[in-house]
Protein backbone atom coordinates (compact mmCIF):
# COMPACT_ATOMS: atom_id res chain seq x y z
CA UNK A 1 0.00 0.00 0.00
CA UNK A 2 1.36 3.40 -0.92
CA UNK A 3 0.79 5.86 1.95
CA UNK A 4 1.54 9.56 2.34
CA UNK A 5 4.45 8.71 4.70
CA UNK A 6 7.14 6.05 5.08
CA UNK A 7 6.79 3.28 7.65
CA UNK A 8 10.26 2.61 9.08
CA UNK A 9 11.42 0.11 11.69
CA UNK A 10 14.30 1.52 13.76
CA UNK A 11 16.21 -1.14 15.75
CA UNK A 12 18.92 -0.53 18.35
CA UNK A 13 21.03 -3.68 18.23
CA UNK A 14 22.64 -2.87 21.61
CA UNK A 15 19.31 -3.11 23.41
CA UNK A 16 17.53 -5.45 21.00
CA UNK A 17 14.56 -3.08 20.92
CA UNK A 18 12.88 -1.49 17.94
CA UNK A 19 9.99 0.76 17.09
CA UNK A 20 8.06 1.59 13.96
CA UNK A 21 8.09 5.29 13.11
CA UNK A 22 6.26 7.31 10.47
CA UNK A 23 8.64 9.41 8.41
CA UNK A 24 7.26 12.17 6.17
CA UNK A 25 8.76 12.81 2.76
CA UNK A 26 7.06 10.39 0.38
CA UNK A 27 6.34 13.29 -1.99
CA UNK A 28 9.98 14.49 -1.80
CA UNK A 29 12.06 11.39 -2.66
CA UNK A 30 11.73 8.50 -5.09
CA UNK A 31 12.53 4.82 -4.62
CA UNK A 32 14.73 2.98 -2.18
CA UNK A 33 17.75 5.16 -2.99
CA UNK A 34 15.86 8.34 -2.20
CA UNK A 35 14.45 6.87 1.00
CA UNK A 36 17.88 5.58 2.07
CA UNK A 37 19.39 9.04 1.58
CA UNK A 38 16.47 10.71 3.41
CA UNK A 39 16.83 8.35 6.37
CA UNK A 40 20.60 8.84 6.45
CA UNK A 41 20.08 12.60 6.78
CA UNK A 42 17.75 11.87 9.71
CA UNK A 43 19.71 9.11 11.50
CA UNK A 44 23.28 9.44 10.19
CA UNK A 45 25.99 11.20 12.20
CA UNK A 46 28.04 13.40 9.85
CA UNK A 47 30.52 14.33 12.59
CA UNK A 48 31.28 10.73 13.60
CA UNK A 49 33.44 8.14 11.82
CA UNK A 50 31.93 5.30 9.82
CA UNK A 51 32.62 2.70 12.54
CA UNK A 52 30.80 4.56 15.31
CA UNK A 53 28.11 2.20 16.68
CA UNK A 54 25.50 4.93 16.30
CA UNK A 55 26.07 5.20 12.54
CA UNK A 56 23.04 3.58 10.93
CA UNK A 57 22.85 0.89 8.33
CA UNK A 58 19.64 1.43 6.40
CA UNK A 59 17.79 -1.11 4.24
CA UNK A 60 15.17 0.64 2.08
CA UNK A 61 12.77 -0.35 -0.68
CA UNK A 62 10.76 1.60 -3.23
CA UNK A 63 6.98 1.90 -3.55
CA UNK A 64 6.78 -0.54 -6.49
CA UNK A 65 8.50 -3.41 -4.68
CA UNK A 66 6.35 -6.51 -5.01
CA UNK A 67 4.14 -5.12 -7.76
CA UNK A 68 6.36 -6.08 -10.70
CA UNK A 69 8.81 -9.02 -10.99
CA UNK A 70 11.88 -6.82 -11.48
CA UNK A 71 11.05 -4.39 -8.67
CA UNK A 72 12.69 -6.38 -5.90
CA UNK A 73 15.93 -4.65 -4.90
CA UNK A 74 16.91 -3.53 -1.44
CA UNK A 75 19.12 -0.48 -1.06
CA UNK A 76 21.65 -0.65 1.78
CA UNK A 77 22.66 2.90 2.77
CA UNK A 78 25.57 3.57 5.15
CA UNK A 79 28.71 5.61 5.79
CA UNK A 80 31.46 3.87 3.85
CA UNK A 81 34.55 2.41 5.56
CA UNK A 82 36.53 3.22 2.40
CA UNK A 83 36.03 6.99 2.21
CA UNK A 84 33.95 7.89 5.30
CA UNK A 85 31.17 9.32 3.11
CA UNK A 86 27.59 8.29 2.42
CA UNK A 87 27.34 5.22 0.16
CA UNK A 88 24.77 2.70 -0.97
CA UNK A 89 24.69 -0.82 -2.32
CA UNK A 90 21.84 -2.55 -4.16
CA UNK A 91 20.98 -6.21 -3.60
CA UNK A 92 18.45 -8.70 -4.86
CA UNK A 93 17.19 -11.69 -2.95
CA UNK A 94 14.22 -11.90 -0.64
CA UNK A 95 14.95 -8.94 1.59
CA UNK A 96 12.86 -6.43 -0.40
CA UNK A 97 9.79 -8.66 -0.40
CA UNK A 98 10.27 -9.48 3.30
CA UNK A 99 10.18 -5.75 4.07
CA UNK A 100 7.14 -5.27 1.83
CA UNK A 101 5.24 -8.19 3.41
CA UNK A 102 6.09 -6.82 6.87
CA UNK A 103 4.47 -3.55 5.70
CA UNK A 104 7.75 -1.65 6.06
CA UNK A 105 9.43 0.80 3.70
CA UNK A 106 12.78 0.62 5.49
CA UNK A 107 14.78 -0.90 8.31
CA UNK A 108 17.29 1.26 10.22
CA UNK A 109 19.90 -0.50 12.37
CA UNK A 110 21.95 1.34 14.98
CA UNK A 111 24.06 0.22 17.91
CA UNK A 112 26.26 -2.82 18.24
CA UNK A 113 25.00 -6.22 19.31
CA UNK A 114 26.68 -7.48 22.48
CA UNK A 115 26.77 -11.06 21.16
CA UNK A 116 26.09 -12.84 17.87
CA UNK A 117 22.44 -12.14 17.12
CA UNK A 118 19.87 -12.69 14.44
CA UNK A 119 17.30 -10.11 13.38
CA UNK A 120 14.17 -11.68 11.87
CA UNK A 121 11.99 -9.40 9.74
CA UNK A 122 8.55 -10.74 8.93
CA UNK A 123 5.15 -10.73 10.56
CA UNK A 124 6.96 -9.80 13.77
CA UNK A 125 10.48 -8.57 14.43
CA UNK A 126 12.86 -10.42 16.70
CA UNK A 127 16.40 -9.49 17.74
CA UNK A 128 17.88 -12.25 19.81
CA UNK A 129 21.09 -14.14 20.36
CA UNK A 130 20.35 -17.55 18.85
CA UNK A 131 21.28 -20.25 21.36
CA UNK A 132 23.21 -22.45 18.95
CA UNK A 133 24.91 -19.83 16.79
CA UNK A 134 28.46 -19.03 17.77
CA UNK A 135 31.09 -16.73 16.26
CA UNK A 136 32.60 -18.25 13.13
CA UNK A 137 29.63 -20.56 12.52
CA UNK A 138 27.26 -20.24 9.60
CA UNK A 139 23.90 -19.44 11.23
CA UNK A 140 21.72 -21.32 8.73
CA UNK A 141 21.74 -24.96 7.67
CA UNK A 142 23.60 -27.98 9.04
CA UNK A 143 25.38 -27.22 12.30
CA UNK A 144 24.30 -23.58 12.27
CA UNK A 145 21.55 -23.64 14.84
CA UNK A 146 18.88 -22.13 12.58
CA UNK A 147 17.06 -24.30 10.04
CA UNK A 148 17.74 -23.72 6.36
CA UNK A 149 14.39 -25.22 5.33
CA UNK A 150 11.34 -23.00 5.46
CA UNK A 151 13.39 -19.80 5.28
CA UNK A 152 12.66 -19.39 1.56
CA UNK A 153 9.06 -18.36 2.08
CA UNK A 154 8.89 -17.24 5.68
CA UNK A 155 10.32 -14.25 7.52
CA UNK A 156 13.76 -12.98 6.57
CA UNK A 157 16.43 -13.79 9.17
CA UNK A 158 19.43 -11.45 9.05
CA UNK A 159 22.79 -12.35 10.56
CA UNK A 160 26.35 -11.23 9.99
CA UNK A 161 28.82 -13.50 8.24
CA UNK A 162 32.39 -14.44 9.14
CA UNK A 163 34.08 -11.41 7.51
CA UNK A 164 32.10 -9.06 9.75
CA UNK A 165 33.11 -11.01 12.82
CA UNK A 166 36.75 -10.59 11.73
CA UNK A 167 36.33 -6.80 11.44
CA UNK A 168 36.59 -6.84 7.62
CA UNK A 169 35.68 -3.55 5.89
CA UNK A 170 32.92 -5.39 4.05
CA UNK A 171 30.76 -8.21 5.34
CA UNK A 172 27.96 -10.33 3.92
CA UNK A 173 24.51 -10.58 5.45
CA UNK A 174 23.46 -14.23 4.87
CA UNK A 175 20.15 -14.39 3.04
CA UNK A 176 20.36 -10.76 1.92
CA UNK A 177 23.24 -10.65 -0.52
CA UNK A 178 24.22 -7.17 0.64
CA UNK A 179 27.47 -6.00 2.20
CA UNK A 180 27.03 -4.42 5.62
CA UNK A 181 29.62 -2.21 7.20
CA UNK A 182 31.52 -3.46 10.25
CA UNK A 183 30.27 -0.92 12.78
CA UNK A 184 27.23 -3.14 13.26
CA UNK A 185 28.90 -6.45 13.85
CA UNK A 186 28.87 -8.07 17.28
CA UNK A 187 31.94 -7.89 19.45
CA UNK A 188 34.01 -5.25 21.08
CA UNK A 189 32.47 -1.94 21.93
CA UNK A 190 34.11 1.45 21.68
C-alpha atoms as a PDB file:
ATOM      1  CA  UNK A   1       0.000   0.000   0.000  1.00  0.00           C
ATOM      2  CA  UNK A   2       1.355   3.405  -0.919  1.00  0.00           C
ATOM      3  CA  UNK A   3       0.792   5.860   1.949  1.00  0.00           C
ATOM      4  CA  UNK A   4       1.540   9.559   2.340  1.00  0.00           C
ATOM      5  CA  UNK A   5       4.446   8.706   4.701  1.00  0.00           C
ATOM      6  CA  UNK A   6       7.138   6.049   5.075  1.00  0.00           C
ATOM      7  CA  UNK A   7       6.786   3.285   7.650  1.00  0.00           C
ATOM      8  CA  UNK A   8      10.257   2.611   9.080  1.00  0.00           C
ATOM      9  CA  UNK A   9      11.422   0.114  11.688  1.00  0.00           C
ATOM     10  CA  UNK A  10      14.297   1.524  13.765  1.00  0.00           C
ATOM     11  CA  UNK A  11      16.205  -1.135  15.748  1.00  0.00           C
ATOM     12  CA  UNK A  12      18.919  -0.535  18.345  1.00  0.00           C
ATOM     13  CA  UNK A  13      21.035  -3.682  18.231  1.00  0.00           C
ATOM     14  CA  UNK A  14      22.642  -2.866  21.605  1.00  0.00           C
ATOM     15  CA  UNK A  15      19.312  -3.112  23.405  1.00  0.00           C
ATOM     16  CA  UNK A  16      17.532  -5.446  20.996  1.00  0.00           C
ATOM     17  CA  UNK A  17      14.562  -3.084  20.915  1.00  0.00           C
ATOM     18  CA  UNK A  18      12.883  -1.495  17.943  1.00  0.00           C
ATOM     19  CA  UNK A  19       9.993   0.760  17.091  1.00  0.00           C
ATOM     20  CA  UNK A  20       8.063   1.593  13.958  1.00  0.00           C
ATOM     21  CA  UNK A  21       8.094   5.292  13.108  1.00  0.00           C
ATOM     22  CA  UNK A  22       6.256   7.310  10.473  1.00  0.00           C
ATOM     23  CA  UNK A  23       8.635   9.413   8.409  1.00  0.00           C
ATOM     24  CA  UNK A  24       7.256  12.166   6.169  1.00  0.00           C
ATOM     25  CA  UNK A  25       8.757  12.811   2.763  1.00  0.00           C
ATOM     26  CA  UNK A  26       7.059  10.389   0.383  1.00  0.00           C
ATOM     27  CA  UNK A  27       6.344  13.290  -1.993  1.00  0.00           C
ATOM     28  CA  UNK A  28       9.984  14.493  -1.802  1.00  0.00           C
ATOM     29  CA  UNK A  29      12.063  11.394  -2.659  1.00  0.00           C
ATOM     30  CA  UNK A  30      11.729   8.504  -5.087  1.00  0.00           C
ATOM     31  CA  UNK A  31      12.526   4.823  -4.620  1.00  0.00           C
ATOM     32  CA  UNK A  32      14.731   2.980  -2.179  1.00  0.00           C
ATOM     33  CA  UNK A  33      17.753   5.162  -2.993  1.00  0.00           C
ATOM     34  CA  UNK A  34      15.861   8.345  -2.197  1.00  0.00           C
ATOM     35  CA  UNK A  35      14.445   6.874   1.005  1.00  0.00           C
ATOM     36  CA  UNK A  36      17.882   5.581   2.070  1.00  0.00           C
ATOM     37  CA  UNK A  37      19.388   9.045   1.585  1.00  0.00           C
ATOM     38  CA  UNK A  38      16.474  10.706   3.405  1.00  0.00           C
ATOM     39  CA  UNK A  39      16.831   8.345   6.368  1.00  0.00           C
ATOM     40  CA  UNK A  40      20.597   8.839   6.450  1.00  0.00           C
ATOM     41  CA  UNK A  41      20.076  12.599   6.780  1.00  0.00           C
ATOM     42  CA  UNK A  42      17.750  11.871   9.711  1.00  0.00           C
ATOM     43  CA  UNK A  43      19.708   9.112  11.503  1.00  0.00           C
ATOM     44  CA  UNK A  44      23.282   9.441  10.186  1.00  0.00           C
ATOM     45  CA  UNK A  45      25.990  11.197  12.202  1.00  0.00           C
ATOM     46  CA  UNK A  46      28.043  13.399   9.850  1.00  0.00           C
ATOM     47  CA  UNK A  47      30.518  14.327  12.592  1.00  0.00           C
ATOM     48  CA  UNK A  48      31.279  10.732  13.604  1.00  0.00           C
ATOM     49  CA  UNK A  49      33.441   8.136  11.822  1.00  0.00           C
ATOM     50  CA  UNK A  50      31.933   5.296   9.823  1.00  0.00           C
ATOM     51  CA  UNK A  51      32.621   2.703  12.541  1.00  0.00           C
ATOM     52  CA  UNK A  52      30.800   4.556  15.313  1.00  0.00           C
ATOM     53  CA  UNK A  53      28.114   2.197  16.678  1.00  0.00           C
ATOM     54  CA  UNK A  54      25.501   4.930  16.300  1.00  0.00           C
ATOM     55  CA  UNK A  55      26.067   5.203  12.536  1.00  0.00           C
ATOM     56  CA  UNK A  56      23.044   3.581  10.930  1.00  0.00           C
ATOM     57  CA  UNK A  57      22.848   0.889   8.329  1.00  0.00           C
ATOM     58  CA  UNK A  58      19.644   1.429   6.396  1.00  0.00           C
ATOM     59  CA  UNK A  59      17.793  -1.106   4.239  1.00  0.00           C
ATOM     60  CA  UNK A  60      15.171   0.639   2.077  1.00  0.00           C
ATOM     61  CA  UNK A  61      12.769  -0.352  -0.684  1.00  0.00           C
ATOM     62  CA  UNK A  62      10.759   1.595  -3.227  1.00  0.00           C
ATOM     63  CA  UNK A  63       6.982   1.902  -3.554  1.00  0.00           C
ATOM     64  CA  UNK A  64       6.780  -0.535  -6.493  1.00  0.00           C
ATOM     65  CA  UNK A  65       8.500  -3.410  -4.678  1.00  0.00           C
ATOM     66  CA  UNK A  66       6.355  -6.515  -5.009  1.00  0.00           C
ATOM     67  CA  UNK A  67       4.144  -5.117  -7.759  1.00  0.00           C
ATOM     68  CA  UNK A  68       6.359  -6.084 -10.696  1.00  0.00           C
ATOM     69  CA  UNK A  69       8.808  -9.016 -10.991  1.00  0.00           C
ATOM     70  CA  UNK A  70      11.882  -6.815 -11.480  1.00  0.00           C
ATOM     71  CA  UNK A  71      11.045  -4.392  -8.670  1.00  0.00           C
ATOM     72  CA  UNK A  72      12.695  -6.379  -5.900  1.00  0.00           C
ATOM     73  CA  UNK A  73      15.929  -4.653  -4.903  1.00  0.00           C
ATOM     74  CA  UNK A  74      16.909  -3.528  -1.437  1.00  0.00           C
ATOM     75  CA  UNK A  75      19.116  -0.480  -1.059  1.00  0.00           C
ATOM     76  CA  UNK A  76      21.652  -0.646   1.775  1.00  0.00           C
ATOM     77  CA  UNK A  77      22.659   2.901   2.775  1.00  0.00           C
ATOM     78  CA  UNK A  78      25.568   3.566   5.155  1.00  0.00           C
ATOM     79  CA  UNK A  79      28.713   5.614   5.791  1.00  0.00           C
ATOM     80  CA  UNK A  80      31.465   3.867   3.853  1.00  0.00           C
ATOM     81  CA  UNK A  81      34.552   2.412   5.560  1.00  0.00           C
ATOM     82  CA  UNK A  82      36.533   3.216   2.398  1.00  0.00           C
ATOM     83  CA  UNK A  83      36.031   6.989   2.209  1.00  0.00           C
ATOM     84  CA  UNK A  84      33.952   7.892   5.297  1.00  0.00           C
ATOM     85  CA  UNK A  85      31.168   9.324   3.110  1.00  0.00           C
ATOM     86  CA  UNK A  86      27.593   8.288   2.422  1.00  0.00           C
ATOM     87  CA  UNK A  87      27.345   5.224   0.164  1.00  0.00           C
ATOM     88  CA  UNK A  88      24.773   2.699  -0.970  1.00  0.00           C
ATOM     89  CA  UNK A  89      24.687  -0.820  -2.319  1.00  0.00           C
ATOM     90  CA  UNK A  90      21.839  -2.549  -4.160  1.00  0.00           C
ATOM     91  CA  UNK A  91      20.979  -6.211  -3.596  1.00  0.00           C
ATOM     92  CA  UNK A  92      18.449  -8.701  -4.858  1.00  0.00           C
ATOM     93  CA  UNK A  93      17.191 -11.685  -2.955  1.00  0.00           C
ATOM     94  CA  UNK A  94      14.221 -11.901  -0.637  1.00  0.00           C
ATOM     95  CA  UNK A  95      14.951  -8.936   1.587  1.00  0.00           C
ATOM     96  CA  UNK A  96      12.862  -6.426  -0.401  1.00  0.00           C
ATOM     97  CA  UNK A  97       9.792  -8.662  -0.400  1.00  0.00           C
ATOM     98  CA  UNK A  98      10.272  -9.476   3.300  1.00  0.00           C
ATOM     99  CA  UNK A  99      10.181  -5.745   4.071  1.00  0.00           C
ATOM    100  CA  UNK A 100       7.137  -5.267   1.831  1.00  0.00           C
ATOM    101  CA  UNK A 101       5.243  -8.188   3.413  1.00  0.00           C
ATOM    102  CA  UNK A 102       6.094  -6.817   6.872  1.00  0.00           C
ATOM    103  CA  UNK A 103       4.470  -3.554   5.704  1.00  0.00           C
ATOM    104  CA  UNK A 104       7.750  -1.646   6.065  1.00  0.00           C
ATOM    105  CA  UNK A 105       9.431   0.797   3.701  1.00  0.00           C
ATOM    106  CA  UNK A 106      12.784   0.625   5.492  1.00  0.00           C
ATOM    107  CA  UNK A 107      14.778  -0.898   8.310  1.00  0.00           C
ATOM    108  CA  UNK A 108      17.286   1.261  10.218  1.00  0.00           C
ATOM    109  CA  UNK A 109      19.901  -0.505  12.374  1.00  0.00           C
ATOM    110  CA  UNK A 110      21.946   1.340  14.977  1.00  0.00           C
ATOM    111  CA  UNK A 111      24.055   0.216  17.912  1.00  0.00           C
ATOM    112  CA  UNK A 112      26.261  -2.821  18.237  1.00  0.00           C
ATOM    113  CA  UNK A 113      25.000  -6.224  19.310  1.00  0.00           C
ATOM    114  CA  UNK A 114      26.675  -7.484  22.479  1.00  0.00           C
ATOM    115  CA  UNK A 115      26.775 -11.056  21.160  1.00  0.00           C
ATOM    116  CA  UNK A 116      26.087 -12.844  17.874  1.00  0.00           C
ATOM    117  CA  UNK A 117      22.440 -12.137  17.120  1.00  0.00           C
ATOM    118  CA  UNK A 118      19.865 -12.685  14.437  1.00  0.00           C
ATOM    119  CA  UNK A 119      17.298 -10.114  13.380  1.00  0.00           C
ATOM    120  CA  UNK A 120      14.172 -11.677  11.868  1.00  0.00           C
ATOM    121  CA  UNK A 121      11.993  -9.404   9.740  1.00  0.00           C
ATOM    122  CA  UNK A 122       8.549 -10.740   8.930  1.00  0.00           C
ATOM    123  CA  UNK A 123       5.152 -10.727  10.556  1.00  0.00           C
ATOM    124  CA  UNK A 124       6.962  -9.795  13.772  1.00  0.00           C
ATOM    125  CA  UNK A 125      10.484  -8.573  14.425  1.00  0.00           C
ATOM    126  CA  UNK A 126      12.859 -10.422  16.701  1.00  0.00           C
ATOM    127  CA  UNK A 127      16.396  -9.493  17.744  1.00  0.00           C
ATOM    128  CA  UNK A 128      17.881 -12.254  19.807  1.00  0.00           C
ATOM    129  CA  UNK A 129      21.088 -14.144  20.360  1.00  0.00           C
ATOM    130  CA  UNK A 130      20.348 -17.545  18.855  1.00  0.00           C
ATOM    131  CA  UNK A 131      21.277 -20.246  21.358  1.00  0.00           C
ATOM    132  CA  UNK A 132      23.207 -22.453  18.946  1.00  0.00           C
ATOM    133  CA  UNK A 133      24.910 -19.831  16.793  1.00  0.00           C
ATOM    134  CA  UNK A 134      28.463 -19.031  17.773  1.00  0.00           C
ATOM    135  CA  UNK A 135      31.094 -16.731  16.255  1.00  0.00           C
ATOM    136  CA  UNK A 136      32.603 -18.248  13.132  1.00  0.00           C
ATOM    137  CA  UNK A 137      29.634 -20.558  12.518  1.00  0.00           C
ATOM    138  CA  UNK A 138      27.261 -20.241   9.603  1.00  0.00           C
ATOM    139  CA  UNK A 139      23.900 -19.443  11.232  1.00  0.00           C
ATOM    140  CA  UNK A 140      21.716 -21.319   8.733  1.00  0.00           C
ATOM    141  CA  UNK A 141      21.743 -24.957   7.672  1.00  0.00           C
ATOM    142  CA  UNK A 142      23.597 -27.978   9.043  1.00  0.00           C
ATOM    143  CA  UNK A 143      25.375 -27.221  12.304  1.00  0.00           C
ATOM    144  CA  UNK A 144      24.302 -23.583  12.268  1.00  0.00           C
ATOM    145  CA  UNK A 145      21.552 -23.642  14.845  1.00  0.00           C
ATOM    146  CA  UNK A 146      18.884 -22.131  12.585  1.00  0.00           C
ATOM    147  CA  UNK A 147      17.064 -24.296  10.042  1.00  0.00           C
ATOM    148  CA  UNK A 148      17.737 -23.723   6.356  1.00  0.00           C
ATOM    149  CA  UNK A 149      14.391 -25.223   5.327  1.00  0.00           C
ATOM    150  CA  UNK A 150      11.338 -23.003   5.459  1.00  0.00           C
ATOM    151  CA  UNK A 151      13.390 -19.800   5.277  1.00  0.00           C
ATOM    152  CA  UNK A 152      12.662 -19.387   1.564  1.00  0.00           C
ATOM    153  CA  UNK A 153       9.057 -18.356   2.080  1.00  0.00           C
ATOM    154  CA  UNK A 154       8.893 -17.240   5.683  1.00  0.00           C
ATOM    155  CA  UNK A 155      10.324 -14.248   7.519  1.00  0.00           C
ATOM    156  CA  UNK A 156      13.764 -12.977   6.569  1.00  0.00           C
ATOM    157  CA  UNK A 157      16.428 -13.789   9.170  1.00  0.00           C
ATOM    158  CA  UNK A 158      19.434 -11.445   9.047  1.00  0.00           C
ATOM    159  CA  UNK A 159      22.786 -12.355  10.559  1.00  0.00           C
ATOM    160  CA  UNK A 160      26.352 -11.235   9.991  1.00  0.00           C
ATOM    161  CA  UNK A 161      28.825 -13.501   8.236  1.00  0.00           C
ATOM    162  CA  UNK A 162      32.387 -14.444   9.139  1.00  0.00           C
ATOM    163  CA  UNK A 163      34.085 -11.408   7.514  1.00  0.00           C
ATOM    164  CA  UNK A 164      32.104  -9.063   9.752  1.00  0.00           C
ATOM    165  CA  UNK A 165      33.115 -11.010  12.820  1.00  0.00           C
ATOM    166  CA  UNK A 166      36.746 -10.595  11.734  1.00  0.00           C
ATOM    167  CA  UNK A 167      36.334  -6.799  11.436  1.00  0.00           C
ATOM    168  CA  UNK A 168      36.592  -6.838   7.620  1.00  0.00           C
ATOM    169  CA  UNK A 169      35.680  -3.555   5.894  1.00  0.00           C
ATOM    170  CA  UNK A 170      32.918  -5.386   4.048  1.00  0.00           C
ATOM    171  CA  UNK A 171      30.762  -8.213   5.337  1.00  0.00           C
ATOM    172  CA  UNK A 172      27.964 -10.328   3.921  1.00  0.00           C
ATOM    173  CA  UNK A 173      24.510 -10.580   5.453  1.00  0.00           C
ATOM    174  CA  UNK A 174      23.459 -14.225   4.870  1.00  0.00           C
ATOM    175  CA  UNK A 175      20.154 -14.386   3.044  1.00  0.00           C
ATOM    176  CA  UNK A 176      20.357 -10.764   1.924  1.00  0.00           C
ATOM    177  CA  UNK A 177      23.237 -10.650  -0.516  1.00  0.00           C
ATOM    178  CA  UNK A 178      24.215  -7.165   0.638  1.00  0.00           C
ATOM    179  CA  UNK A 179      27.475  -5.999   2.204  1.00  0.00           C
ATOM    180  CA  UNK A 180      27.031  -4.423   5.619  1.00  0.00           C
ATOM    181  CA  UNK A 181      29.619  -2.208   7.197  1.00  0.00           C
ATOM    182  CA  UNK A 182      31.516  -3.464  10.247  1.00  0.00           C
ATOM    183  CA  UNK A 183      30.265  -0.924  12.777  1.00  0.00           C
ATOM    184  CA  UNK A 184      27.229  -3.138  13.261  1.00  0.00           C
ATOM    185  CA  UNK A 185      28.897  -6.453  13.853  1.00  0.00           C
ATOM    186  CA  UNK A 186      28.872  -8.071  17.283  1.00  0.00           C
ATOM    187  CA  UNK A 187      31.940  -7.888  19.445  1.00  0.00           C
ATOM    188  CA  UNK A 188      34.006  -5.250  21.078  1.00  0.00           C
ATOM    189  CA  UNK A 189      32.470  -1.940  21.933  1.00  0.00           C
ATOM    190  CA  UNK A 190      34.111   1.447  21.675  1.00  0.00           C
END
